[in-house]
Amino acid sequence: MRMDGDEGKMLTTSAGGSRARKRFACMAAGHSSATALFRSCPVVTAVGQALGRVRSVMVDVHSRQLRYVVVAPGQGKAPIVIPWRALYFDSTRLRLVYYTFT
């Protein structure tokens, strides 16, 4: 898999590696009514440590389901891609909480 920087789309290659087909569409937070809920939403760990804010979400183009959240941690740091199923929305504090099992 690779991230296409110009288009912001995640691509997977076929078994032969010669063709690339779109598997995920990257949507900037706020480009649809569903992603507008996550615009600049804070993302924290289970113990409350700030990871950053939602920059975009990645949707599976075949099933049209949310698969990943791209978090912007701050200037000079690489974006963090977190699987959607590892997050839950804390409605009392209006934030996404990232759970890891250690």
C-alpha atoms as a PDB file:
ATOM      1  CA  MET A   1       0.000   0.000   0.000  1.00  0.00           C
ATOM      2  CA  ARG A   2       1.084   3.540  -0.555  1.00  0.00           C
ATOM      3  CA  MET A   3      -0.315   6.993   0.031  1.00  0.00           C
ATOM      4  CA  ASP A   4      -0.774   9.079  -3.076  1.00  0.00           C
ATOM      5  CA  GLY A   5       0.191  12.563  -1.899  1.00  0.00           C
ATOM      6  CA  ASP A   6      -1.365  14.504  -4.779  1.00  0.00           C
ATOM      7  CA  GLU A   7      -4.772  12.885  -4.607  1.00  0.00           C
ATOM      8  CA  GLY A   8      -4.778  11.843  -0.964  1.00  0.00           C
ATOM      9  CA  LYS A   9      -5.948   8.332  -1.805  1.00  0.00           C
ATOM     10  CA  MET A  10      -4.732   5.035  -0.429  1.00  0.00           C
ATOM     11  CA  LEU A  11      -3.950   2.583  -3.202  1.00  0.00           C
ATOM     12  CA  THR A  12      -3.382  -1.141  -3.256  1.00  0.00           C
ATOM     13  CA  THR A  13      -1.651  -2.989  -6.037  1.00  0.00           C
ATOM     14  CA  SER A  14      -2.849  -6.110  -7.777  1.00  0.00           C
ATOM     15  CA  ALA A  15      -1.029  -9.413  -7.310  1.00  0.00           C
ATOM     16  CA  GLY A  16       1.220  -8.667 -10.281  1.00  0.00           C
ATOM     17  CA  GLY A  17       1.989  -5.194  -8.998  1.00  0.00           C
ATOM     18  CA  SER A  18       1.473  -3.678 -12.457  1.00  0.00           C
ATOM     19  CA  ARG A  19      -1.900  -2.018 -11.852  1.00  0.00           C
ATOM     20  CA  ALA A  20      -3.095   0.006  -8.939  1.00  0.00           C
ATOM     21  CA  ARG A  21      -6.750   0.226  -8.021  1.00  0.00           C
ATOM     22  CA  LYS A  22      -8.398   2.446  -5.461  1.00  0.00           C
ATOM     23  CA  ARG A  23      -9.348   0.736  -2.236  1.00  0.00           C
ATOM     24  CA  PHE A  24      -9.715   3.725   0.060  1.00  0.00           C
ATOM     25  CA  ALA A  25     -10.856   7.271  -0.615  1.00  0.00           C
ATOM     26  CA  CYS A  26      -9.425   9.957   1.613  1.00  0.00           C
ATOM     27  CA  MET A  27     -11.921  12.638   2.593  1.00  0.00           C
ATOM     28  CA  ALA A  28     -10.883  15.802   4.362  1.00  0.00           C
ATOM     29  CA  ALA A  29     -12.829  16.232   7.566  1.00  0.00           C
ATOM     30  CA  GLY A  30     -15.797  18.426   6.709  1.00  0.00           C
ATOM     31  CA  HIS A  31     -16.222  17.440   3.032  1.00  0.00           C
ATOM     32  CA  SER A  32     -19.414  15.521   3.763  1.00  0.00           C
ATOM     33  CA  SER A  33     -22.054  15.610   6.452  1.00  0.00           C
ATOM     34  CA  ALA A  34     -20.618  12.443   8.007  1.00  0.00           C
ATOM     35  CA  THR A  35     -17.049  13.714   8.120  1.00  0.00           C
ATOM     36  CA  ALA A  36     -18.139  17.157   9.317  1.00  0.00           C
ATOM     37  CA  LEU A  37     -18.726  15.568  12.729  1.00  0.00           C
ATOM     38  CA  PHE A  38     -15.005  14.889  13.018  1.00  0.00           C
ATOM     39  CA  ARG A  39     -13.639  18.212  11.742  1.00  0.00           C
ATOM     40  CA  SER A  40     -10.683  19.041  14.000  1.00  0.00           C
ATOM     41  CA  CYS A  41     -11.988  16.639  16.626  1.00  0.00           C
ATOM     42  CA  PRO A  42      -9.360  15.992  19.300  1.00  0.00           C
ATOM     43  CA  VAL A  43      -7.945  12.464  19.527  1.00  0.00           C
ATOM     44  CA  VAL A  44      -6.584  11.232  22.846  1.00  0.00           C
ATOM     45  CA  THR A  45      -5.301   7.981  24.311  1.00  0.00           C
ATOM     46  CA  ALA A  46      -7.287   6.041  26.904  1.00  0.00           C
ATOM     47  CA  VAL A  47      -5.343   7.841  29.657  1.00  0.00           C
ATOM     48  CA  GLY A  48      -6.084  11.273  28.168  1.00  0.00           C
ATOM     49  CA  GLN A  49      -2.780  12.027  26.411  1.00  0.00           C
ATOM     50  CA  ALA A  50      -3.428  14.216  23.352  1.00  0.00           C
ATOM     51  CA  LEU A  51      -2.450  12.669  20.005  1.00  0.00           C
ATOM     52  CA  GLY A  52      -3.673  15.480  17.750  1.00  0.00           C
ATOM     53  CA  ARG A  53      -6.768  16.445  15.771  1.00  0.00           C
ATOM     54  CA  VAL A  54      -8.610  14.714  12.947  1.00  0.00           C
ATOM     55  CA  ARG A  55      -7.296  15.834   9.553  1.00  0.00           C
ATOM     56  CA  SER A  56      -9.209  13.415   7.331  1.00  0.00           C
ATOM     57  CA  VAL A  57     -10.952  10.062   7.223  1.00  0.00           C
ATOM     58  CA  MET A  58     -10.452   7.120   4.871  1.00  0.00           C
ATOM     59  CA  VAL A  59     -13.488   5.349   3.489  1.00  0.00           C
ATOM     60  CA  ASP A  60     -13.504   1.927   1.800  1.00  0.00           C
ATOM     61  CA  VAL A  61     -14.774   2.668  -1.720  1.00  0.00           C
ATOM     62  CA  HIS A  62     -16.333  -0.787  -2.094  1.00  0.00           C
ATOM     63  CA  SER A  63     -18.286  -1.021   1.162  1.00  0.00           C
ATOM     64  CA  ARG A  64     -18.480   2.764   1.767  1.00  0.00           C
ATOM     65  CA  GLN A  65     -17.577   2.240   5.398  1.00  0.00           C
ATOM     66  CA  LEU A  66     -15.257   4.371   7.470  1.00  0.00           C
ATOM     67  CA  ARG A  67     -11.965   2.482   7.930  1.00  0.00           C
ATOM     68  CA  TYR A  68      -9.272   4.897   9.156  1.00  0.00           C
ATOM     69  CA  VAL A  69      -8.895   8.312  10.755  1.00  0.00           C
ATOM     70  CA  VAL A  70      -5.860  10.435   9.849  1.00  0.00           C
ATOM     71  CA  VAL A  71      -4.665  12.489  12.807  1.00  0.00           C
ATOM     72  CA  ALA A  72      -2.499  15.603  12.505  1.00  0.00           C
ATOM     73  CA  PRO A  73      -0.303  15.511  15.636  1.00  0.00           C
ATOM     74  CA  GLY A  74       1.263  18.942  15.235  1.00  0.00           C
ATOM     75  CA  GLN A  75       3.799  20.795  13.162  1.00  0.00           C
ATOM     76  CA  GLY A  76       6.821  18.861  12.037  1.00  0.00           C
ATOM     77  CA  LYS A  77       5.338  15.477  12.887  1.00  0.00           C
ATOM     78  CA  ALA A  78       4.081  12.827  10.487  1.00  0.00           C
ATOM     79  CA  PRO A  79       0.326  12.148  10.343  1.00  0.00           C
ATOM     80  CA  ILE A  80      -0.950   9.178  12.332  1.00  0.00           C
ATOM     81  CA  VAL A  81      -3.369   6.723  10.693  1.00  0.00           C
ATOM     82  CA  ILE A  82      -5.600   4.953  13.224  1.00  0.00           C
ATOM     83  CA  PRO A  83      -8.066   2.156  12.396  1.00  0.00           C
ATOM     84  CA  TRP A  84     -11.639   3.270  13.022  1.00  0.00           C
ATOM     85  CA  ARG A  85     -12.436   0.200  15.121  1.00  0.00           C
ATOM     86  CA  ALA A  86      -9.707   1.197  17.608  1.00  0.00           C
ATOM     87  CA  LEU A  87     -11.510   4.477  18.373  1.00  0.00           C
ATOM     88  CA  TYR A  88     -14.644   5.431  20.185  1.00  0.00           C
ATOM     89  CA  PHE A  89     -16.397   8.790  20.357  1.00  0.00           C
ATOM     90  CA  ASP A  90     -16.593  10.279  23.857  1.00  0.00           C
ATOM     91  CA  SER A  91     -19.775  12.332  23.505  1.00  0.00           C
ATOM     92  CA  THR A  92     -19.446  13.952  26.935  1.00  0.00           C
ATOM     93  CA  ARG A  93     -16.073  15.499  26.024  1.00  0.00           C
ATOM     94  CA  LEU A  94     -16.548  15.636  22.227  1.00  0.00           C
ATOM     95  CA  ARG A  95     -13.398  13.725  21.357  1.00  0.00           C
ATOM     96  CA  LEU A  96     -12.198  10.430  19.897  1.00  0.00           C
ATOM     97  CA  VAL A  97     -10.464   8.054  22.288  1.00  0.00           C
ATOM     98  CA  TYR A  98      -7.829   5.649  20.944  1.00  0.00           C
ATOM     99  CA  TYR A  99      -7.676   2.341  22.772  1.00  0.00           C
ATOM    100  CA  THR A 100      -4.598   0.143  22.606  1.00  0.00           C
ATOM    101  CA  PHE A 101      -4.217  -3.160  24.327  1.00  0.00           C
ATOM    102  CA  THR A 102      -0.836  -3.559  25.955  1.00  0.00           C
END
